[in-house]
N, C-alpha and C. Protein backbone atom coordinates (compact mmCIF):
# COMPACT_ATOMS: atom_id res chain seq x y z
N MET A 1 -11.28 12.30 0.24
CA MET A 1 -11.72 12.14 1.63
C MET A 1 -12.52 13.38 2.03
N THR A 2 -13.72 13.14 2.54
CA THR A 2 -14.64 14.23 2.87
C THR A 2 -14.86 14.31 4.38
N ASN A 3 -15.68 15.27 4.78
CA ASN A 3 -16.02 15.37 6.20
C ASN A 3 -16.75 14.12 6.69
N VAL A 4 -17.55 13.51 5.82
CA VAL A 4 -18.26 12.28 6.18
C VAL A 4 -17.26 11.15 6.44
N ASP A 5 -16.23 11.07 5.59
CA ASP A 5 -15.21 10.03 5.76
C ASP A 5 -14.47 10.19 7.09
N LEU A 6 -14.10 11.41 7.42
CA LEU A 6 -13.34 11.62 8.66
C LEU A 6 -14.22 11.45 9.89
N ALA A 7 -15.48 11.83 9.81
CA ALA A 7 -16.39 11.55 10.90
C ALA A 7 -16.56 10.04 11.08
N GLY A 8 -16.59 9.32 9.97
CA GLY A 8 -16.67 7.87 10.05
C GLY A 8 -15.44 7.27 10.70
N TRP A 9 -14.28 7.84 10.42
CA TRP A 9 -13.06 7.38 11.07
C TRP A 9 -13.14 7.56 12.59
N ILE A 10 -13.55 8.75 13.02
CA ILE A 10 -13.62 9.01 14.47
C ILE A 10 -14.61 8.05 15.12
N ARG A 11 -15.74 7.82 14.49
CA ARG A 11 -16.73 6.90 15.07
C ARG A 11 -16.18 5.48 15.15
N HIS A 12 -15.53 5.03 14.09
CA HIS A 12 -15.00 3.67 14.09
C HIS A 12 -13.84 3.55 15.07
N ALA A 13 -13.01 4.59 15.15
CA ALA A 13 -11.92 4.58 16.14
C ALA A 13 -12.49 4.46 17.55
N ALA A 14 -13.58 5.17 17.82
CA ALA A 14 -14.20 5.09 19.14
C ALA A 14 -14.69 3.67 19.43
N GLU A 15 -15.22 3.01 18.42
CA GLU A 15 -15.68 1.63 18.60
C GLU A 15 -14.51 0.70 18.92
N LEU A 16 -13.42 0.85 18.18
CA LEU A 16 -12.27 -0.03 18.39
C LEU A 16 -11.61 0.24 19.74
N VAL A 17 -11.51 1.50 20.11
CA VAL A 17 -10.93 1.84 21.42
C VAL A 17 -11.79 1.27 22.54
N SER A 18 -13.10 1.40 22.41
CA SER A 18 -13.99 0.87 23.44
C SER A 18 -13.83 -0.64 23.58
N ALA A 19 -13.75 -1.33 22.45
CA ALA A 19 -13.61 -2.78 22.47
C ALA A 19 -12.27 -3.22 23.04
N ASP A 20 -11.26 -2.38 22.90
CA ASP A 20 -9.89 -2.74 23.30
C ASP A 20 -9.45 -2.02 24.57
N ALA A 21 -10.35 -1.32 25.24
CA ALA A 21 -9.97 -0.49 26.38
C ALA A 21 -9.32 -1.30 27.50
N ASP A 22 -9.83 -2.48 27.77
CA ASP A 22 -9.26 -3.29 28.85
C ASP A 22 -7.82 -3.70 28.54
N ARG A 23 -7.56 -4.11 27.29
CA ARG A 23 -6.20 -4.51 26.93
C ARG A 23 -5.24 -3.32 27.01
N LEU A 24 -5.67 -2.17 26.51
CA LEU A 24 -4.81 -0.99 26.57
C LEU A 24 -4.52 -0.60 28.01
N THR A 25 -5.52 -0.74 28.86
CA THR A 25 -5.31 -0.41 30.27
C THR A 25 -4.36 -1.39 30.94
N ARG A 26 -4.45 -2.67 30.56
CA ARG A 26 -3.49 -3.65 31.11
C ARG A 26 -2.07 -3.35 30.67
N LEU A 27 -1.91 -2.94 29.42
CA LEU A 27 -0.58 -2.55 28.96
C LEU A 27 -0.05 -1.38 29.79
N ASP A 28 -0.91 -0.43 30.05
CA ASP A 28 -0.50 0.74 30.82
C ASP A 28 -0.24 0.40 32.28
N ALA A 29 -0.98 -0.57 32.81
CA ALA A 29 -0.77 -0.97 34.21
C ALA A 29 0.62 -1.54 34.42
N ALA A 30 1.20 -2.13 33.37
CA ALA A 30 2.52 -2.74 33.49
C ALA A 30 3.63 -1.70 33.59
N ILE A 31 3.46 -0.55 32.93
CA ILE A 31 4.56 0.42 32.89
C ILE A 31 4.11 1.87 33.11
N GLY A 32 2.83 2.07 33.41
CA GLY A 32 2.34 3.45 33.56
C GLY A 32 1.33 3.57 34.68
N ASP A 33 0.31 4.39 34.45
CA ASP A 33 -0.70 4.67 35.47
C ASP A 33 -1.84 3.66 35.50
N GLY A 34 -1.94 2.84 34.47
CA GLY A 34 -3.00 1.85 34.43
C GLY A 34 -4.36 2.40 34.08
N ASP A 35 -4.40 3.47 33.27
CA ASP A 35 -5.69 4.06 32.93
C ASP A 35 -5.82 4.44 31.45
N HIS A 36 -4.85 4.06 30.65
CA HIS A 36 -4.79 4.56 29.27
C HIS A 36 -6.03 4.18 28.47
N GLY A 37 -6.39 2.91 28.50
CA GLY A 37 -7.50 2.47 27.67
C GLY A 37 -8.82 3.11 28.05
N HIS A 38 -9.11 3.16 29.32
CA HIS A 38 -10.39 3.72 29.76
C HIS A 38 -10.43 5.24 29.60
N ASN A 39 -9.29 5.89 29.79
CA ASN A 39 -9.22 7.33 29.52
C ASN A 39 -9.48 7.62 28.04
N LEU A 40 -8.83 6.84 27.18
CA LEU A 40 -8.98 7.08 25.74
C LEU A 40 -10.39 6.75 25.28
N ASP A 41 -10.98 5.73 25.87
CA ASP A 41 -12.37 5.39 25.57
C ASP A 41 -13.28 6.58 25.89
N ARG A 42 -13.10 7.16 27.05
CA ARG A 42 -13.91 8.32 27.44
C ARG A 42 -13.67 9.48 26.47
N GLY A 43 -12.42 9.69 26.08
CA GLY A 43 -12.11 10.79 25.18
C GLY A 43 -12.73 10.62 23.80
N PHE A 44 -12.69 9.41 23.26
CA PHE A 44 -13.24 9.20 21.92
C PHE A 44 -14.77 9.18 21.93
N ARG A 45 -15.37 8.76 23.04
CA ARG A 45 -16.83 8.92 23.14
C ARG A 45 -17.20 10.40 23.08
N ALA A 46 -16.42 11.22 23.76
CA ALA A 46 -16.66 12.66 23.72
C ALA A 46 -16.43 13.22 22.32
N ALA A 47 -15.41 12.68 21.64
CA ALA A 47 -15.12 13.15 20.28
C ALA A 47 -16.28 12.86 19.34
N VAL A 48 -16.87 11.69 19.49
CA VAL A 48 -18.04 11.35 18.66
C VAL A 48 -19.19 12.32 18.95
N ASP A 49 -19.42 12.59 20.21
CA ASP A 49 -20.50 13.52 20.58
C ASP A 49 -20.24 14.93 20.05
N ALA A 50 -18.96 15.28 19.88
CA ALA A 50 -18.61 16.64 19.46
C ALA A 50 -18.53 16.81 17.95
N LEU A 51 -18.74 15.74 17.19
CA LEU A 51 -18.64 15.86 15.73
C LEU A 51 -19.66 16.87 15.21
N PRO A 52 -19.24 17.75 14.32
CA PRO A 52 -20.15 18.77 13.79
C PRO A 52 -21.36 18.13 13.10
N THR A 53 -22.50 18.74 13.26
CA THR A 53 -23.71 18.24 12.62
C THR A 53 -24.03 18.99 11.33
N ASP A 54 -23.31 20.08 11.08
CA ASP A 54 -23.53 20.82 9.84
C ASP A 54 -22.45 20.46 8.83
N ASP A 55 -22.57 21.02 7.65
CA ASP A 55 -21.66 20.69 6.55
C ASP A 55 -20.41 21.56 6.65
N VAL A 56 -19.39 21.03 7.32
CA VAL A 56 -18.15 21.76 7.52
C VAL A 56 -17.03 21.09 6.74
N PRO A 57 -15.92 21.78 6.50
CA PRO A 57 -14.79 21.15 5.83
C PRO A 57 -14.23 20.00 6.67
N PRO A 58 -13.57 19.03 6.03
CA PRO A 58 -13.03 17.88 6.76
C PRO A 58 -12.12 18.27 7.92
N GLY A 59 -11.33 19.29 7.73
CA GLY A 59 -10.41 19.70 8.78
C GLY A 59 -11.12 20.08 10.06
N LYS A 60 -12.30 20.68 9.93
CA LYS A 60 -13.07 21.09 11.11
C LYS A 60 -13.53 19.88 11.92
N VAL A 61 -13.76 18.76 11.26
CA VAL A 61 -14.16 17.54 11.95
C VAL A 61 -13.04 17.11 12.90
N LEU A 62 -11.82 17.12 12.40
CA LEU A 62 -10.69 16.69 13.23
C LEU A 62 -10.40 17.68 14.35
N VAL A 63 -10.54 18.95 14.07
CA VAL A 63 -10.32 19.95 15.12
C VAL A 63 -11.34 19.78 16.24
N ALA A 64 -12.59 19.57 15.89
CA ALA A 64 -13.63 19.38 16.91
C ALA A 64 -13.37 18.13 17.73
N ALA A 65 -13.00 17.05 17.06
CA ALA A 65 -12.70 15.80 17.77
C ALA A 65 -11.50 15.99 18.70
N GLY A 66 -10.48 16.67 18.22
CA GLY A 66 -9.29 16.90 19.03
C GLY A 66 -9.58 17.72 20.27
N ARG A 67 -10.38 18.74 20.13
CA ARG A 67 -10.73 19.57 21.29
C ARG A 67 -11.48 18.75 22.34
N ALA A 68 -12.39 17.91 21.89
CA ALA A 68 -13.16 17.10 22.83
C ALA A 68 -12.26 16.11 23.57
N ILE A 69 -11.30 15.54 22.86
CA ILE A 69 -10.39 14.58 23.49
C ILE A 69 -9.54 15.26 24.55
N VAL A 70 -9.04 16.44 24.24
CA VAL A 70 -8.26 17.18 25.24
C VAL A 70 -9.10 17.46 26.48
N SER A 71 -10.36 17.80 26.27
CA SER A 71 -11.25 18.18 27.36
C SER A 71 -11.63 17.01 28.25
N LYS A 72 -11.79 15.82 27.66
CA LYS A 72 -12.38 14.70 28.39
C LYS A 72 -11.43 13.55 28.71
N THR A 73 -10.20 13.58 28.18
CA THR A 73 -9.28 12.47 28.40
C THR A 73 -8.25 12.83 29.43
N GLY A 74 -8.11 12.01 30.45
CA GLY A 74 -7.13 12.27 31.49
C GLY A 74 -5.73 11.85 31.09
N GLY A 75 -4.77 12.19 31.92
CA GLY A 75 -3.38 11.79 31.69
C GLY A 75 -2.76 12.51 30.52
N ALA A 76 -1.65 11.93 30.04
CA ALA A 76 -0.92 12.54 28.92
C ALA A 76 -1.59 12.29 27.58
N SER A 77 -2.40 11.23 27.50
CA SER A 77 -2.93 10.84 26.19
C SER A 77 -3.90 11.87 25.62
N GLY A 78 -4.67 12.54 26.49
CA GLY A 78 -5.60 13.53 25.98
C GLY A 78 -4.93 14.66 25.24
N PRO A 79 -3.98 15.36 25.86
CA PRO A 79 -3.28 16.42 25.13
C PRO A 79 -2.56 15.92 23.88
N LEU A 80 -1.97 14.72 23.95
CA LEU A 80 -1.21 14.23 22.80
C LEU A 80 -2.12 13.89 21.62
N TYR A 81 -3.16 13.10 21.86
CA TYR A 81 -4.06 12.76 20.77
C TYR A 81 -4.86 13.97 20.31
N GLY A 82 -5.27 14.79 21.27
CA GLY A 82 -6.00 15.99 20.89
C GLY A 82 -5.17 16.92 20.03
N THR A 83 -3.91 17.09 20.41
CA THR A 83 -3.02 17.94 19.62
C THR A 83 -2.81 17.35 18.23
N ALA A 84 -2.62 16.03 18.16
CA ALA A 84 -2.42 15.39 16.86
C ALA A 84 -3.60 15.66 15.93
N LEU A 85 -4.82 15.48 16.43
CA LEU A 85 -5.99 15.68 15.59
C LEU A 85 -6.20 17.15 15.24
N ARG A 86 -5.97 18.03 16.19
CA ARG A 86 -6.14 19.45 15.89
C ARG A 86 -5.10 19.94 14.88
N ARG A 87 -3.86 19.51 15.05
CA ARG A 87 -2.83 19.91 14.08
C ARG A 87 -3.16 19.36 12.69
N ALA A 88 -3.62 18.11 12.64
CA ALA A 88 -3.99 17.53 11.35
C ALA A 88 -5.14 18.30 10.72
N GLY A 89 -6.13 18.62 11.54
CA GLY A 89 -7.28 19.36 11.02
C GLY A 89 -6.89 20.74 10.50
N LYS A 90 -6.03 21.42 11.23
CA LYS A 90 -5.59 22.74 10.79
C LYS A 90 -4.78 22.66 9.50
N ALA A 91 -4.01 21.57 9.35
CA ALA A 91 -3.24 21.39 8.12
C ALA A 91 -4.15 21.20 6.92
N LEU A 92 -5.32 20.61 7.13
CA LEU A 92 -6.27 20.43 6.03
C LEU A 92 -6.94 21.73 5.63
N GLY A 93 -6.95 22.69 6.53
CA GLY A 93 -7.53 23.99 6.21
C GLY A 93 -9.01 23.91 5.91
N ASP A 94 -9.43 24.66 4.90
CA ASP A 94 -10.85 24.72 4.53
C ASP A 94 -11.17 23.91 3.28
N ALA A 95 -10.26 23.02 2.89
CA ALA A 95 -10.51 22.18 1.71
C ALA A 95 -11.76 21.35 1.91
N GLU A 96 -12.58 21.27 0.88
CA GLU A 96 -13.82 20.51 0.95
C GLU A 96 -13.60 19.02 0.71
N ASP A 97 -12.53 18.70 0.04
CA ASP A 97 -12.19 17.30 -0.23
C ASP A 97 -10.68 17.18 -0.13
N VAL A 98 -10.21 16.08 0.44
CA VAL A 98 -8.79 15.92 0.72
C VAL A 98 -8.23 14.78 -0.12
N ASP A 99 -7.15 15.06 -0.85
CA ASP A 99 -6.52 14.01 -1.64
C ASP A 99 -5.39 13.36 -0.84
N ALA A 100 -4.71 12.42 -1.46
CA ALA A 100 -3.67 11.66 -0.76
C ALA A 100 -2.54 12.56 -0.28
N ALA A 101 -2.13 13.49 -1.11
CA ALA A 101 -1.04 14.40 -0.72
C ALA A 101 -1.47 15.28 0.44
N GLY A 102 -2.68 15.77 0.40
CA GLY A 102 -3.17 16.63 1.47
C GLY A 102 -3.28 15.89 2.80
N PHE A 103 -3.72 14.64 2.74
CA PHE A 103 -3.82 13.90 3.99
C PHE A 103 -2.44 13.52 4.51
N GLY A 104 -1.50 13.30 3.60
CA GLY A 104 -0.12 13.05 4.04
C GLY A 104 0.44 14.24 4.80
N ALA A 105 0.15 15.44 4.31
CA ALA A 105 0.60 16.65 5.02
C ALA A 105 -0.04 16.74 6.38
N ALA A 106 -1.31 16.33 6.49
CA ALA A 106 -1.99 16.35 7.78
C ALA A 106 -1.35 15.37 8.76
N LEU A 107 -0.95 14.20 8.27
CA LEU A 107 -0.28 13.23 9.14
C LEU A 107 1.06 13.77 9.64
N HIS A 108 1.78 14.45 8.77
CA HIS A 108 3.03 15.09 9.20
C HIS A 108 2.77 16.12 10.29
N ALA A 109 1.71 16.90 10.13
CA ALA A 109 1.38 17.91 11.13
C ALA A 109 1.02 17.25 12.46
N ALA A 110 0.31 16.13 12.39
CA ALA A 110 -0.04 15.40 13.62
C ALA A 110 1.22 14.91 14.33
N LEU A 111 2.14 14.32 13.58
CA LEU A 111 3.39 13.83 14.16
C LEU A 111 4.20 14.97 14.76
N ASP A 112 4.28 16.08 14.04
CA ASP A 112 5.01 17.24 14.57
C ASP A 112 4.39 17.73 15.88
N GLY A 113 3.06 17.72 15.94
CA GLY A 113 2.39 18.16 17.16
C GLY A 113 2.70 17.26 18.34
N VAL A 114 2.70 15.96 18.10
CA VAL A 114 3.02 15.01 19.17
C VAL A 114 4.47 15.19 19.63
N ARG A 115 5.37 15.36 18.69
CA ARG A 115 6.77 15.55 19.05
C ARG A 115 6.97 16.87 19.79
N ASP A 116 6.31 17.91 19.34
CA ASP A 116 6.46 19.21 20.01
C ASP A 116 5.97 19.15 21.46
N LEU A 117 4.85 18.49 21.67
CA LEU A 117 4.26 18.45 23.00
C LEU A 117 4.97 17.46 23.92
N GLY A 118 5.23 16.27 23.41
CA GLY A 118 5.80 15.22 24.24
C GLY A 118 7.31 15.19 24.29
N LYS A 119 7.96 15.93 23.40
CA LYS A 119 9.42 15.97 23.33
C LYS A 119 10.03 14.57 23.16
N ALA A 120 9.30 13.69 22.47
CA ALA A 120 9.76 12.32 22.27
C ALA A 120 10.28 12.14 20.85
N GLU A 121 11.26 11.27 20.72
CA GLU A 121 11.82 10.91 19.43
C GLU A 121 11.70 9.40 19.23
N ASP A 122 12.03 8.97 18.02
CA ASP A 122 12.01 7.54 17.73
C ASP A 122 12.90 6.80 18.74
N GLY A 123 12.40 5.68 19.23
CA GLY A 123 13.18 4.86 20.15
C GLY A 123 12.99 5.20 21.61
N ASP A 124 12.16 6.19 21.92
CA ASP A 124 11.90 6.56 23.32
C ASP A 124 10.83 5.69 23.96
N LYS A 125 10.22 4.79 23.20
CA LYS A 125 9.13 3.92 23.67
C LYS A 125 7.89 4.74 24.00
N THR A 126 7.39 5.41 22.97
CA THR A 126 6.17 6.21 23.08
C THR A 126 5.33 6.00 21.83
N MET A 127 4.23 6.72 21.73
CA MET A 127 3.39 6.65 20.55
C MET A 127 4.12 7.08 19.28
N VAL A 128 5.19 7.86 19.43
CA VAL A 128 5.97 8.27 18.27
C VAL A 128 6.54 7.05 17.54
N ASP A 129 6.83 5.99 18.27
CA ASP A 129 7.40 4.80 17.66
C ASP A 129 6.42 4.05 16.77
N ALA A 130 5.15 4.36 16.86
CA ALA A 130 4.16 3.85 15.92
C ALA A 130 3.80 4.89 14.87
N LEU A 131 3.69 6.16 15.30
CA LEU A 131 3.24 7.21 14.39
C LEU A 131 4.31 7.59 13.37
N ALA A 132 5.56 7.67 13.80
CA ALA A 132 6.62 8.08 12.86
C ALA A 132 6.79 7.08 11.72
N PRO A 133 6.88 5.76 11.97
CA PRO A 133 6.98 4.83 10.84
C PRO A 133 5.72 4.81 9.99
N ALA A 134 4.57 5.09 10.61
CA ALA A 134 3.34 5.15 9.82
C ALA A 134 3.40 6.29 8.81
N VAL A 135 3.86 7.46 9.26
CA VAL A 135 3.97 8.60 8.36
C VAL A 135 5.01 8.33 7.27
N ALA A 136 6.12 7.71 7.64
CA ALA A 136 7.15 7.38 6.65
C ALA A 136 6.63 6.40 5.61
N ALA A 137 5.87 5.40 6.06
CA ALA A 137 5.32 4.42 5.12
C ALA A 137 4.29 5.07 4.19
N TYR A 138 3.50 5.98 4.75
CA TYR A 138 2.54 6.71 3.93
C TYR A 138 3.28 7.49 2.84
N ASP A 139 4.34 8.19 3.22
CA ASP A 139 5.12 8.97 2.26
C ASP A 139 5.67 8.09 1.14
N THR A 140 6.19 6.93 1.52
CA THR A 140 6.77 6.02 0.53
C THR A 140 5.71 5.53 -0.44
N ALA A 141 4.56 5.15 0.09
CA ALA A 141 3.48 4.69 -0.78
C ALA A 141 3.00 5.80 -1.71
N LEU A 142 2.91 7.01 -1.18
CA LEU A 142 2.48 8.14 -1.99
C LEU A 142 3.48 8.41 -3.10
N ALA A 143 4.77 8.35 -2.78
CA ALA A 143 5.80 8.58 -3.79
C ALA A 143 5.79 7.51 -4.87
N ASP A 144 5.33 6.33 -4.50
CA ASP A 144 5.25 5.23 -5.47
C ASP A 144 3.98 5.28 -6.30
N GLY A 145 3.15 6.27 -6.07
CA GLY A 145 1.94 6.45 -6.87
C GLY A 145 0.70 5.78 -6.34
N ALA A 146 0.73 5.32 -5.08
CA ALA A 146 -0.43 4.65 -4.50
C ALA A 146 -1.56 5.64 -4.27
N ASP A 147 -2.78 5.12 -4.28
CA ASP A 147 -3.93 5.98 -3.98
C ASP A 147 -4.06 6.16 -2.46
N LEU A 148 -5.04 6.96 -2.06
CA LEU A 148 -5.20 7.29 -0.65
C LEU A 148 -5.41 6.05 0.21
N ALA A 149 -6.27 5.16 -0.22
CA ALA A 149 -6.55 3.96 0.58
C ALA A 149 -5.31 3.11 0.76
N ALA A 150 -4.52 2.96 -0.29
CA ALA A 150 -3.30 2.16 -0.20
C ALA A 150 -2.27 2.84 0.69
N CYS A 151 -2.18 4.15 0.61
CA CYS A 151 -1.26 4.89 1.48
C CYS A 151 -1.63 4.70 2.95
N VAL A 152 -2.92 4.75 3.24
CA VAL A 152 -3.38 4.58 4.62
C VAL A 152 -3.14 3.15 5.10
N ARG A 153 -3.35 2.17 4.23
CA ARG A 153 -3.06 0.78 4.61
C ARG A 153 -1.59 0.61 4.95
N ALA A 154 -0.73 1.20 4.15
CA ALA A 154 0.71 1.12 4.42
C ALA A 154 1.04 1.75 5.77
N ALA A 155 0.41 2.88 6.06
CA ALA A 155 0.64 3.55 7.34
C ALA A 155 0.16 2.69 8.50
N ALA A 156 -1.01 2.09 8.36
CA ALA A 156 -1.55 1.24 9.44
C ALA A 156 -0.66 0.03 9.69
N ASP A 157 -0.19 -0.59 8.62
CA ASP A 157 0.70 -1.75 8.77
C ASP A 157 1.99 -1.36 9.47
N ALA A 158 2.55 -0.23 9.08
CA ALA A 158 3.80 0.23 9.69
C ALA A 158 3.61 0.59 11.15
N ALA A 159 2.46 1.17 11.49
CA ALA A 159 2.18 1.50 12.89
C ALA A 159 2.10 0.25 13.75
N ALA A 160 1.49 -0.80 13.22
CA ALA A 160 1.40 -2.06 13.97
C ALA A 160 2.78 -2.65 14.22
N VAL A 161 3.63 -2.61 13.21
CA VAL A 161 5.01 -3.10 13.36
C VAL A 161 5.76 -2.23 14.37
N GLY A 162 5.55 -0.92 14.28
CA GLY A 162 6.22 0.00 15.20
C GLY A 162 5.81 -0.22 16.64
N ALA A 163 4.53 -0.51 16.86
CA ALA A 163 4.06 -0.78 18.22
C ALA A 163 4.72 -2.03 18.78
N GLU A 164 4.78 -3.07 17.98
CA GLU A 164 5.43 -4.32 18.42
C GLU A 164 6.90 -4.07 18.74
N ALA A 165 7.53 -3.19 17.98
CA ALA A 165 8.96 -2.93 18.17
C ALA A 165 9.26 -2.21 19.48
N THR A 166 8.22 -1.67 20.15
CA THR A 166 8.48 -1.03 21.45
C THR A 166 8.69 -2.04 22.57
N ILE A 167 8.33 -3.29 22.36
CA ILE A 167 8.42 -4.29 23.43
C ILE A 167 9.83 -4.41 23.99
N PRO A 168 10.87 -4.56 23.16
CA PRO A 168 12.22 -4.69 23.72
C PRO A 168 12.88 -3.37 24.10
N MET A 169 12.21 -2.26 23.89
CA MET A 169 12.83 -0.96 24.19
C MET A 169 12.78 -0.66 25.68
N GLN A 170 13.74 0.13 26.13
CA GLN A 170 13.68 0.71 27.47
C GLN A 170 13.15 2.13 27.33
N ALA A 171 12.13 2.43 28.11
CA ALA A 171 11.47 3.74 28.01
C ALA A 171 12.41 4.86 28.41
N ARG A 172 12.37 5.94 27.63
CA ARG A 172 13.17 7.12 27.93
C ARG A 172 12.32 8.36 28.16
N LYS A 173 11.02 8.21 28.01
CA LYS A 173 10.09 9.33 28.23
C LYS A 173 8.88 8.84 29.01
N GLY A 174 8.21 9.76 29.67
CA GLY A 174 6.98 9.45 30.35
C GLY A 174 7.18 8.66 31.63
N ARG A 175 6.07 8.26 32.22
CA ARG A 175 6.10 7.55 33.49
C ARG A 175 6.86 6.24 33.38
N ALA A 176 6.78 5.59 32.24
CA ALA A 176 7.47 4.31 32.05
C ALA A 176 8.98 4.46 32.21
N SER A 177 9.51 5.66 31.93
CA SER A 177 10.97 5.85 32.02
C SER A 177 11.46 5.71 33.46
N TYR A 178 10.56 5.91 34.45
CA TYR A 178 10.96 5.77 35.84
C TYR A 178 11.31 4.32 36.19
N LEU A 179 10.82 3.38 35.39
CA LEU A 179 11.07 1.97 35.66
C LEU A 179 12.43 1.50 35.17
N GLY A 180 13.06 2.30 34.31
CA GLY A 180 14.37 1.91 33.79
C GLY A 180 14.29 0.58 33.05
N PRO A 181 15.20 -0.35 33.33
CA PRO A 181 15.21 -1.63 32.63
C PRO A 181 13.93 -2.45 32.80
N ARG A 182 13.17 -2.18 33.83
CA ARG A 182 11.93 -2.93 34.04
C ARG A 182 10.85 -2.60 33.01
N SER A 183 11.06 -1.52 32.24
CA SER A 183 10.10 -1.20 31.18
C SER A 183 10.31 -2.08 29.95
N VAL A 184 11.43 -2.77 29.88
CA VAL A 184 11.71 -3.68 28.76
C VAL A 184 10.78 -4.88 28.85
N GLY A 185 10.28 -5.32 27.69
CA GLY A 185 9.43 -6.49 27.65
C GLY A 185 7.95 -6.18 27.63
N HIS A 186 7.61 -4.91 27.58
CA HIS A 186 6.20 -4.49 27.55
C HIS A 186 5.97 -3.57 26.36
N MET A 187 4.87 -3.79 25.67
CA MET A 187 4.50 -2.88 24.59
C MET A 187 4.06 -1.54 25.16
N ASP A 188 4.48 -0.47 24.53
CA ASP A 188 4.04 0.85 24.97
C ASP A 188 2.55 1.01 24.66
N PRO A 189 1.74 1.39 25.65
CA PRO A 189 0.30 1.51 25.42
C PRO A 189 -0.05 2.60 24.41
N GLY A 190 0.69 3.71 24.41
CA GLY A 190 0.41 4.77 23.45
C GLY A 190 0.71 4.35 22.02
N ALA A 191 1.79 3.59 21.84
CA ALA A 191 2.09 3.07 20.51
C ALA A 191 1.02 2.09 20.06
N SER A 192 0.53 1.28 21.02
CA SER A 192 -0.51 0.32 20.68
C SER A 192 -1.81 1.01 20.29
N SER A 193 -2.20 2.04 21.03
CA SER A 193 -3.44 2.74 20.68
C SER A 193 -3.28 3.54 19.40
N THR A 194 -2.09 4.04 19.13
CA THR A 194 -1.84 4.72 17.85
C THR A 194 -2.05 3.76 16.69
N ALA A 195 -1.51 2.55 16.82
CA ALA A 195 -1.71 1.55 15.78
C ALA A 195 -3.20 1.23 15.61
N LEU A 196 -3.92 1.19 16.72
CA LEU A 196 -5.36 0.92 16.66
C LEU A 196 -6.10 2.01 15.90
N LEU A 197 -5.74 3.26 16.16
CA LEU A 197 -6.42 4.36 15.47
C LEU A 197 -6.11 4.38 13.98
N LEU A 198 -4.89 4.02 13.62
CA LEU A 198 -4.56 3.96 12.21
C LEU A 198 -5.22 2.77 11.53
N ARG A 199 -5.42 1.69 12.26
CA ARG A 199 -6.19 0.58 11.72
C ARG A 199 -7.63 1.01 11.46
N ALA A 200 -8.19 1.79 12.39
CA ALA A 200 -9.54 2.31 12.19
C ALA A 200 -9.60 3.18 10.95
N LEU A 201 -8.58 3.99 10.73
CA LEU A 201 -8.52 4.84 9.54
C LEU A 201 -8.46 3.99 8.28
N SER A 202 -7.64 2.93 8.32
CA SER A 202 -7.55 2.05 7.16
C SER A 202 -8.87 1.34 6.89
N ASP A 203 -9.55 0.93 7.96
CA ASP A 203 -10.85 0.27 7.80
C ASP A 203 -11.86 1.17 7.09
N THR A 204 -11.81 2.45 7.38
CA THR A 204 -12.84 3.37 6.89
C THR A 204 -12.46 4.03 5.56
N THR A 205 -11.19 4.08 5.23
CA THR A 205 -10.77 4.76 3.99
C THR A 205 -11.05 3.85 2.80
N GLY A 206 -11.88 4.33 1.90
CA GLY A 206 -12.22 3.55 0.72
C GLY A 206 -13.29 2.51 0.99
N SER A 207 -13.93 2.58 2.17
CA SER A 207 -14.99 1.64 2.49
C SER A 207 -16.30 2.39 2.67
N ASP A 208 -17.35 1.68 3.07
CA ASP A 208 -18.62 2.35 3.33
C ASP A 208 -18.89 2.47 4.82
N ILE A 209 -17.81 2.31 5.65
CA ILE A 209 -17.99 2.53 7.09
C ILE A 209 -17.84 4.02 7.36
N THR A 210 -18.88 4.74 7.20
CA THR A 210 -18.82 6.19 7.36
C THR A 210 -19.91 6.66 8.29
N GLY A 211 -19.86 7.92 8.60
CA GLY A 211 -20.90 8.53 9.42
C GLY A 211 -21.22 9.89 8.85
N LYS A 212 -22.22 10.53 9.36
CA LYS A 212 -22.59 11.85 8.88
C LYS A 212 -21.88 12.91 9.66
N ALA A 213 -21.22 13.82 8.95
CA ALA A 213 -20.54 14.92 9.62
C ALA A 213 -21.54 16.01 9.93
């Protein structure tokens, strides 16, 4: 995985978020502020604009995208997604090419960043409920000898399942927690957008959907 691959991921993620912004916002309107999708759309547009134009290591691509998202995305999602990308980018360091093990370490760093900032654990009905199973599935696939693309597919599939699993949960973190039992029956918007971003990653890993870093 190179800087071109990761820039391609950010661009494709921005496309998917833009296409799905209304649905994500409707999910958020049910249990939150009602702005998640459009905020994230604005943040990822900024991330695309901030992608480095020179030949930088892959990690620098994610750090630049993360900084832009923090700067341009309102609500809690900007700091959370921005932190995830920056932590992942820093974990990649200055490596010019990233293998499956290296990207797995970056995913762990992203998850740790989200947990550190949001203080959320599995079952709290947050983006962690999609990201944590995704990282676990990636680890399992890697241990079984899968290549990078297969590891990412496993992570994306697990994130989608994790997002669906938030529907019957009662929120224990964030604005949704104020609703108590009324938060049951709604998918968490952050978990849904996390699954979307991992789907974008799966779409671009091992494919020719790339961009220039």
